[in-house]
Amino acid sequence: MKILIREGSAAKNLDELKDLYRTNPENIMLCSDDLHPEMLMKGHIDRMVAKLISEGFDVFDVIRSCTVNPVLHYGLSGGLA
């Protein structure tokens, strides 16, 4: 099971779930949903990454959650073996 931490237009759960990085970073993926183009111009997953790193979460765990973890989970071609 993977944990999707979402910051969308309505649901926002980064603050509630971010402490899971301390125990389960390999199971976390960052995502967003239902964002309009003007909202994307203000930032999206990059804002989540910046916030987590500024709060002292491990940079490699955070980057992995929006790169490697989704590739492995969804079996994307060109992914890591």
C-alpha atoms as a PDB file:
ATOM      1  CA  MET A   1       0.000   0.000   0.000  1.00  0.00           C
ATOM      2  CA  LYS A   2       1.205   3.509  -0.817  1.00  0.00           C
ATOM      3  CA  ILE A   3       0.327   6.758   0.889  1.00  0.00           C
ATOM      4  CA  LEU A   4      -0.599   9.578  -1.470  1.00  0.00           C
ATOM      5  CA  ILE A   5      -0.148  12.957   0.151  1.00  0.00           C
ATOM      6  CA  ARG A   6      -2.388  15.318  -1.749  1.00  0.00           C
ATOM      7  CA  GLU A   7      -2.590  19.064  -2.025  1.00  0.00           C
ATOM      8  CA  GLY A   8      -5.428  19.663  -4.441  1.00  0.00           C
ATOM      9  CA  SER A   9      -8.040  22.326  -4.892  1.00  0.00           C
ATOM     10  CA  ALA A  10     -10.225  20.972  -2.095  1.00  0.00           C
ATOM     11  CA  ALA A  11      -8.432  18.230  -0.169  1.00  0.00           C
ATOM     12  CA  LYS A  12      -5.141  19.132   1.448  1.00  0.00           C
ATOM     13  CA  ASN A  13      -3.425  16.642   3.716  1.00  0.00           C
ATOM     14  CA  LEU A  14       0.290  17.421   3.628  1.00  0.00           C
ATOM     15  CA  ASP A  15       0.347  18.855   7.138  1.00  0.00           C
ATOM     16  CA  GLU A  16      -1.586  15.914   8.573  1.00  0.00           C
ATOM     17  CA  LEU A  17       0.514  13.208   6.902  1.00  0.00           C
ATOM     18  CA  LYS A  18       4.020  14.653   6.580  1.00  0.00           C
ATOM     19  CA  ASP A  19       5.306  12.977   9.742  1.00  0.00           C
ATOM     20  CA  LEU A  20       5.011   9.640   7.921  1.00  0.00           C
ATOM     21  CA  TYR A  21       8.266  10.624   6.196  1.00  0.00           C
ATOM     22  CA  ARG A  22       9.998   9.771   9.450  1.00  0.00           C
ATOM     23  CA  THR A  23       8.788   6.149   9.435  1.00  0.00           C
ATOM     24  CA  ASN A  24       7.653   5.224   5.890  1.00  0.00           C
ATOM     25  CA  PRO A  25       9.334   7.394   3.245  1.00  0.00           C
ATOM     26  CA  GLU A  26       9.479   4.505   0.766  1.00  0.00           C
ATOM     27  CA  ASN A  27       5.669   4.291   0.749  1.00  0.00           C
ATOM     28  CA  ILE A  28       4.856   7.965   0.156  1.00  0.00           C
ATOM     29  CA  MET A  29       3.971   9.655  -3.113  1.00  0.00           C
ATOM     30  CA  LEU A  30       3.137  13.329  -3.547  1.00  0.00           C
ATOM     31  CA  CYS A  31       0.234  14.269  -5.778  1.00  0.00           C
ATOM     32  CA  SER A  32      -2.302  16.935  -6.555  1.00  0.00           C
ATOM     33  CA  ASP A  33      -5.655  16.915  -8.268  1.00  0.00           C
ATOM     34  CA  ASP A  34      -8.247  19.115  -9.818  1.00  0.00           C
ATOM     35  CA  LEU A  35      -5.960  22.102 -10.213  1.00  0.00           C
ATOM     36  CA  HIS A  36      -6.818  24.749 -12.743  1.00  0.00           C
ATOM     37  CA  PRO A  37      -4.051  26.186 -14.963  1.00  0.00           C
ATOM     38  CA  GLU A  38      -3.904  29.427 -12.996  1.00  0.00           C
ATOM     39  CA  MET A  39      -3.393  27.412  -9.812  1.00  0.00           C
ATOM     40  CA  LEU A  40      -0.569  25.412 -11.425  1.00  0.00           C
ATOM     41  CA  MET A  41       1.190  28.671 -12.301  1.00  0.00           C
ATOM     42  CA  LYS A  42       1.528  29.320  -8.549  1.00  0.00           C
ATOM     43  CA  GLY A  43       3.181  25.954  -7.967  1.00  0.00           C
ATOM     44  CA  HIS A  44       2.200  22.383  -7.446  1.00  0.00           C
ATOM     45  CA  ILE A  45       4.310  19.428  -6.277  1.00  0.00           C
ATOM     46  CA  ASP A  46       7.383  21.684  -6.281  1.00  0.00           C
ATOM     47  CA  ARG A  47       5.752  23.755  -3.523  1.00  0.00           C
ATOM     48  CA  MET A  48       5.146  20.626  -1.465  1.00  0.00           C
ATOM     49  CA  VAL A  49       8.787  19.588  -1.912  1.00  0.00           C
ATOM     50  CA  ALA A  50      10.055  23.031  -0.904  1.00  0.00           C
ATOM     51  CA  LYS A  51       7.840  23.115   2.177  1.00  0.00           C
ATOM     52  CA  LEU A  52       8.913  19.661   3.368  1.00  0.00           C
ATOM     53  CA  ILE A  53      12.611  20.381   2.866  1.00  0.00           C
ATOM     54  CA  SER A  54      12.320  23.772   4.606  1.00  0.00           C
ATOM     55  CA  GLU A  55      10.733  21.972   7.573  1.00  0.00           C
ATOM     56  CA  GLY A  56      13.746  19.686   7.867  1.00  0.00           C
ATOM     57  CA  PHE A  57      12.521  16.502   6.212  1.00  0.00           C
ATOM     58  CA  ASP A  58      15.227  14.492   4.464  1.00  0.00           C
ATOM     59  CA  VAL A  59      15.754  15.900   0.981  1.00  0.00           C
ATOM     60  CA  PHE A  60      16.326  12.464  -0.545  1.00  0.00           C
ATOM     61  CA  ASP A  61      13.147  11.021   0.991  1.00  0.00           C
ATOM     62  CA  VAL A  62      11.139  13.977  -0.271  1.00  0.00           C
ATOM     63  CA  ILE A  63      12.551  13.880  -3.811  1.00  0.00           C
ATOM     64  CA  ARG A  64      12.085  10.112  -3.933  1.00  0.00           C
ATOM     65  CA  SER A  65       8.395  10.487  -3.070  1.00  0.00           C
ATOM     66  CA  CYS A  66       7.694  12.434  -6.253  1.00  0.00           C
ATOM     67  CA  THR A  67      10.097  10.631  -8.580  1.00  0.00           C
ATOM     68  CA  VAL A  68      11.247   7.078  -7.824  1.00  0.00           C
ATOM     69  CA  ASN A  69       8.322   5.910  -5.689  1.00  0.00           C
ATOM     70  CA  PRO A  70       5.656   6.626  -8.365  1.00  0.00           C
ATOM     71  CA  VAL A  71       7.818   5.100 -11.131  1.00  0.00           C
ATOM     72  CA  LEU A  72       8.216   1.881  -9.164  1.00  0.00           C
ATOM     73  CA  HIS A  73       4.613   1.774  -7.970  1.00  0.00           C
ATOM     74  CA  TYR A  74       3.068   2.262 -11.395  1.00  0.00           C
ATOM     75  CA  GLY A  75       5.704   0.215 -13.248  1.00  0.00           C
ATOM     76  CA  LEU A  76       6.481   3.025 -15.665  1.00  0.00           C
ATOM     77  CA  SER A  77       8.728   2.148 -18.566  1.00  0.00           C
ATOM     78  CA  GLY A  78      12.265   3.315 -18.106  1.00  0.00           C
ATOM     79  CA  GLY A  79      11.772   2.984 -14.371  1.00  0.00           C
ATOM     80  CA  LEU A  80      14.279   1.697 -11.896  1.00  0.00           C
ATOM     81  CA  ALA A  81      14.546  -2.039 -11.418  1.00  0.00           C
END
